[in-house]
Amino acid sequence: MGQEYTAKSFKSGNSVAIRVPAALGVEPDREWSIEWVDGNLVLRAKLQVKPKLDVSKFWGKAKGLKVPERSDFDERPSTIAAREGNVSR
């Protein structure tokens, strides 16, 4: 295995904490899964989920912005018929 380090547990509020030595290269603000297995603590890094962009506050911010017409596809026949008034019901 790798280098062995010693860390001491301490009381932090209503929890018990263990400081991880910086030499291990653990990033701050990372989430970890912790298990108690056969008398040993097992730490596993959780997968980091990329935050999603919230675009709800962008609506209406660019006044006068015109959306260009798309010319890279053919118009649907139903759209053409509705525009020309040839819709049968």
N, C-alpha and C. Protein backbone atom coordinates (compact mmCIF):
# COMPACT_ATOMS: atom_id res chain seq x y z
N MET A 1 0.84 -1.19 0.00
CA MET A 1 0.00 0.00 0.00
C MET A 1 0.87 1.25 0.00
N GLY A 2 0.29 2.40 0.30
CA GLY A 2 1.03 3.66 0.27
C GLY A 2 1.53 4.05 1.65
N GLN A 3 1.87 5.31 1.75
CA GLN A 3 2.35 5.88 3.01
C GLN A 3 1.26 5.83 4.06
N GLU A 4 1.61 5.53 5.29
CA GLU A 4 0.65 5.49 6.40
C GLU A 4 0.76 6.76 7.21
N TYR A 5 -0.40 7.34 7.54
CA TYR A 5 -0.46 8.56 8.33
C TYR A 5 -1.26 8.28 9.60
N THR A 6 -1.03 9.08 10.63
CA THR A 6 -1.78 8.98 11.88
C THR A 6 -2.61 10.24 12.05
N ALA A 7 -3.88 10.06 12.39
CA ALA A 7 -4.76 11.18 12.64
C ALA A 7 -5.54 10.90 13.92
N LYS A 8 -5.86 11.94 14.66
CA LYS A 8 -6.57 11.79 15.93
C LYS A 8 -7.98 12.34 15.77
N SER A 9 -8.95 11.65 16.30
CA SER A 9 -10.33 12.14 16.26
C SER A 9 -10.52 13.20 17.34
N PHE A 10 -11.47 14.10 17.08
CA PHE A 10 -11.75 15.16 18.05
C PHE A 10 -13.23 15.53 17.96
N LYS A 11 -13.73 16.19 18.99
CA LYS A 11 -15.13 16.60 19.07
C LYS A 11 -15.29 17.92 18.30
N SER A 12 -16.29 17.98 17.44
CA SER A 12 -16.60 19.18 16.68
C SER A 12 -18.11 19.38 16.73
N GLY A 13 -18.56 20.24 17.63
CA GLY A 13 -20.01 20.40 17.85
C GLY A 13 -20.58 19.13 18.43
N ASN A 14 -21.61 18.58 17.81
CA ASN A 14 -22.20 17.32 18.25
C ASN A 14 -21.68 16.14 17.45
N SER A 15 -20.60 16.34 16.70
CA SER A 15 -20.03 15.28 15.87
C SER A 15 -18.61 14.97 16.31
N VAL A 16 -18.09 13.87 15.78
CA VAL A 16 -16.69 13.53 15.95
C VAL A 16 -16.06 13.68 14.58
N ALA A 17 -14.88 14.32 14.52
CA ALA A 17 -14.22 14.59 13.25
C ALA A 17 -12.81 14.02 13.26
N ILE A 18 -12.30 13.76 12.06
CA ILE A 18 -10.92 13.32 11.88
C ILE A 18 -10.34 14.20 10.78
N ARG A 19 -9.21 14.83 11.06
CA ARG A 19 -8.53 15.64 10.03
C ARG A 19 -7.77 14.71 9.10
N VAL A 20 -7.87 14.98 7.80
CA VAL A 20 -7.16 14.19 6.80
C VAL A 20 -5.90 14.96 6.43
N PRO A 21 -4.73 14.33 6.50
CA PRO A 21 -3.49 15.03 6.15
C PRO A 21 -3.51 15.53 4.70
N ALA A 22 -2.99 16.75 4.49
CA ALA A 22 -2.97 17.37 3.16
C ALA A 22 -2.13 16.55 2.18
N ALA A 23 -1.18 15.79 2.68
CA ALA A 23 -0.31 14.99 1.82
C ALA A 23 -1.09 13.93 1.05
N LEU A 24 -2.29 13.61 1.49
CA LEU A 24 -3.12 12.62 0.78
C LEU A 24 -3.80 13.23 -0.44
N GLY A 25 -3.80 14.55 -0.55
CA GLY A 25 -4.36 15.20 -1.74
C GLY A 25 -5.86 15.23 -1.81
N VAL A 26 -6.54 15.17 -0.68
CA VAL A 26 -8.01 15.20 -0.66
C VAL A 26 -8.47 16.64 -0.88
N GLU A 27 -9.37 16.84 -1.86
CA GLU A 27 -9.88 18.19 -2.15
C GLU A 27 -10.90 18.60 -1.09
N PRO A 28 -10.94 19.88 -0.74
CA PRO A 28 -11.97 20.35 0.19
C PRO A 28 -13.34 20.36 -0.49
N ASP A 29 -14.38 20.35 0.29
CA ASP A 29 -15.77 20.40 -0.17
C ASP A 29 -16.17 19.21 -1.04
N ARG A 30 -15.56 18.10 -0.87
CA ARG A 30 -15.91 16.88 -1.60
C ARG A 30 -16.79 16.02 -0.70
N GLU A 31 -17.79 15.35 -1.26
CA GLU A 31 -18.65 14.47 -0.47
C GLU A 31 -18.08 13.07 -0.44
N TRP A 32 -18.25 12.40 0.70
CA TRP A 32 -17.70 11.07 0.90
C TRP A 32 -18.76 10.14 1.45
N SER A 33 -18.70 8.89 1.07
CA SER A 33 -19.54 7.83 1.63
C SER A 33 -18.69 7.15 2.71
N ILE A 34 -19.26 6.99 3.90
CA ILE A 34 -18.51 6.40 5.02
C ILE A 34 -19.25 5.17 5.53
N GLU A 35 -18.52 4.08 5.66
CA GLU A 35 -19.09 2.82 6.18
C GLU A 35 -18.23 2.30 7.33
N TRP A 36 -18.86 1.58 8.21
CA TRP A 36 -18.18 0.88 9.29
C TRP A 36 -18.17 -0.59 8.89
N VAL A 37 -17.00 -1.13 8.50
CA VAL A 37 -16.91 -2.50 8.01
C VAL A 37 -15.89 -3.26 8.87
N ASP A 38 -16.36 -4.26 9.57
CA ASP A 38 -15.50 -5.12 10.38
C ASP A 38 -14.55 -4.32 11.28
N GLY A 39 -15.07 -3.28 11.94
CA GLY A 39 -14.27 -2.49 12.86
C GLY A 39 -13.39 -1.45 12.20
N ASN A 40 -13.54 -1.24 10.90
CA ASN A 40 -12.75 -0.25 10.17
C ASN A 40 -13.66 0.75 9.48
N LEU A 41 -13.23 2.01 9.46
CA LEU A 41 -13.95 3.02 8.69
C LEU A 41 -13.48 2.94 7.24
N VAL A 42 -14.43 2.88 6.32
CA VAL A 42 -14.11 2.83 4.90
C VAL A 42 -14.66 4.10 4.26
N LEU A 43 -13.78 4.89 3.65
CA LEU A 43 -14.17 6.13 2.99
C LEU A 43 -14.13 5.93 1.49
N ARG A 44 -15.19 6.38 0.80
CA ARG A 44 -15.23 6.32 -0.66
C ARG A 44 -15.71 7.68 -1.17
N ALA A 45 -14.99 8.23 -2.11
CA ALA A 45 -15.39 9.51 -2.70
C ALA A 45 -16.66 9.31 -3.52
N LYS A 46 -17.64 10.20 -3.31
CA LYS A 46 -18.85 10.14 -4.12
C LYS A 46 -18.59 10.81 -5.46
N LEU A 47 -19.30 10.37 -6.48
CA LEU A 47 -19.17 10.97 -7.81
C LEU A 47 -19.64 12.41 -7.74
N GLN A 48 -18.87 13.30 -8.36
CA GLN A 48 -19.25 14.71 -8.37
C GLN A 48 -20.20 14.96 -9.53
N VAL A 49 -21.36 15.51 -9.21
CA VAL A 49 -22.36 15.82 -10.22
C VAL A 49 -22.16 17.26 -10.65
N LYS A 50 -22.10 17.48 -11.96
CA LYS A 50 -21.94 18.84 -12.45
C LYS A 50 -23.22 19.62 -12.17
N PRO A 51 -23.10 20.83 -11.63
CA PRO A 51 -24.30 21.61 -11.36
C PRO A 51 -24.98 22.02 -12.67
N LYS A 52 -26.30 22.03 -12.65
CA LYS A 52 -27.05 22.42 -13.84
C LYS A 52 -27.24 23.93 -13.84
N LEU A 53 -27.24 24.50 -15.02
CA LEU A 53 -27.41 25.94 -15.16
C LEU A 53 -28.89 26.27 -15.07
N ASP A 54 -29.24 27.18 -14.16
CA ASP A 54 -30.63 27.61 -14.00
C ASP A 54 -30.86 28.80 -14.92
N VAL A 55 -31.60 28.58 -15.99
CA VAL A 55 -31.84 29.64 -16.98
C VAL A 55 -33.16 30.36 -16.75
N SER A 56 -33.87 30.05 -15.68
CA SER A 56 -35.19 30.63 -15.45
C SER A 56 -35.13 32.14 -15.26
N LYS A 57 -34.02 32.68 -14.78
CA LYS A 57 -33.93 34.12 -14.54
C LYS A 57 -33.45 34.89 -15.77
N PHE A 58 -33.12 34.20 -16.86
CA PHE A 58 -32.67 34.87 -18.07
C PHE A 58 -33.82 35.34 -18.95
N TRP A 59 -35.02 34.79 -18.74
CA TRP A 59 -36.15 35.08 -19.61
C TRP A 59 -36.46 36.58 -19.60
N GLY A 60 -36.52 37.17 -20.78
CA GLY A 60 -36.89 38.57 -20.91
C GLY A 60 -35.74 39.54 -20.67
N LYS A 61 -34.54 39.09 -20.48
CA LYS A 61 -33.41 39.98 -20.19
C LYS A 61 -32.84 40.64 -21.44
N ALA A 62 -32.99 40.03 -22.59
CA ALA A 62 -32.43 40.58 -23.83
C ALA A 62 -33.58 41.14 -24.68
N LYS A 63 -34.03 42.32 -24.33
CA LYS A 63 -35.13 42.95 -25.05
C LYS A 63 -34.73 43.23 -26.49
N GLY A 64 -35.62 42.98 -27.41
CA GLY A 64 -35.37 43.26 -28.82
C GLY A 64 -34.55 42.20 -29.53
N LEU A 65 -34.20 41.14 -28.84
CA LEU A 65 -33.43 40.07 -29.47
C LEU A 65 -34.34 39.27 -30.38
N LYS A 66 -33.97 39.16 -31.63
CA LYS A 66 -34.76 38.40 -32.60
C LYS A 66 -34.13 37.04 -32.81
N VAL A 67 -34.94 36.00 -32.77
CA VAL A 67 -34.46 34.65 -33.02
C VAL A 67 -34.40 34.46 -34.52
N PRO A 68 -33.24 34.12 -35.06
CA PRO A 68 -33.13 33.96 -36.51
C PRO A 68 -33.95 32.76 -36.99
N GLU A 69 -34.49 32.88 -38.20
CA GLU A 69 -35.23 31.76 -38.77
C GLU A 69 -34.27 30.65 -39.13
N ARG A 70 -34.72 29.43 -38.94
CA ARG A 70 -33.87 28.29 -39.26
C ARG A 70 -34.11 27.88 -40.70
N SER A 71 -33.04 27.69 -41.44
CA SER A 71 -33.17 27.27 -42.83
C SER A 71 -32.47 25.94 -43.07
N ASP A 72 -32.11 25.25 -41.98
CA ASP A 72 -31.38 23.99 -42.14
C ASP A 72 -32.31 22.77 -42.15
N PHE A 73 -33.64 23.00 -42.20
CA PHE A 73 -34.58 21.89 -42.30
C PHE A 73 -35.82 22.35 -43.06
N ASP A 74 -36.56 21.38 -43.60
CA ASP A 74 -37.80 21.69 -44.32
C ASP A 74 -38.93 21.86 -43.31
N GLU A 75 -39.84 22.75 -43.62
CA GLU A 75 -40.98 22.99 -42.77
C GLU A 75 -41.93 21.79 -42.81
N ARG A 76 -42.59 21.52 -41.72
CA ARG A 76 -43.53 20.41 -41.64
C ARG A 76 -44.74 20.67 -42.53
N PRO A 77 -45.24 19.63 -43.18
CA PRO A 77 -46.44 19.81 -44.02
C PRO A 77 -47.64 20.32 -43.21
N SER A 78 -47.77 19.87 -41.96
CA SER A 78 -48.90 20.32 -41.13
C SER A 78 -48.80 21.82 -40.82
N THR A 79 -47.58 22.32 -40.66
CA THR A 79 -47.38 23.75 -40.40
C THR A 79 -47.73 24.57 -41.63
N ILE A 80 -47.34 24.08 -42.79
CA ILE A 80 -47.64 24.77 -44.05
C ILE A 80 -49.15 24.79 -44.26
N ALA A 81 -49.82 23.65 -44.03
CA ALA A 81 -51.27 23.55 -44.22
C ALA A 81 -52.01 24.48 -43.25
N ALA A 82 -51.54 24.56 -42.00
CA ALA A 82 -52.21 25.41 -41.01
C ALA A 82 -52.05 26.88 -41.39
N ARG A 83 -50.89 27.25 -41.88
CA ARG A 83 -50.65 28.64 -42.29
C ARG A 83 -51.50 29.01 -43.48
N GLU A 84 -51.71 28.07 -44.40
CA GLU A 84 -52.49 28.36 -45.60
C GLU A 84 -53.99 28.14 -45.39
N GLY A 85 -54.37 27.64 -44.23
CA GLY A 85 -55.78 27.45 -43.92
C GLY A 85 -56.36 26.18 -44.52
N ASN A 86 -55.54 25.21 -44.84
CA ASN A 86 -56.00 23.96 -45.47
C ASN A 86 -56.12 22.83 -44.46
N VAL A 87 -56.43 23.15 -43.24
CA VAL A 87 -56.51 22.10 -42.21
C VAL A 87 -57.89 21.49 -42.25
N SER A 88 -57.96 20.16 -42.43
CA SER A 88 -59.26 19.48 -42.44
C SER A 88 -59.48 18.84 -41.08
N ARG A 89 -60.72 18.95 -40.61
CA ARG A 89 -61.02 18.39 -39.27
C ARG A 89 -62.02 17.31 -39.37
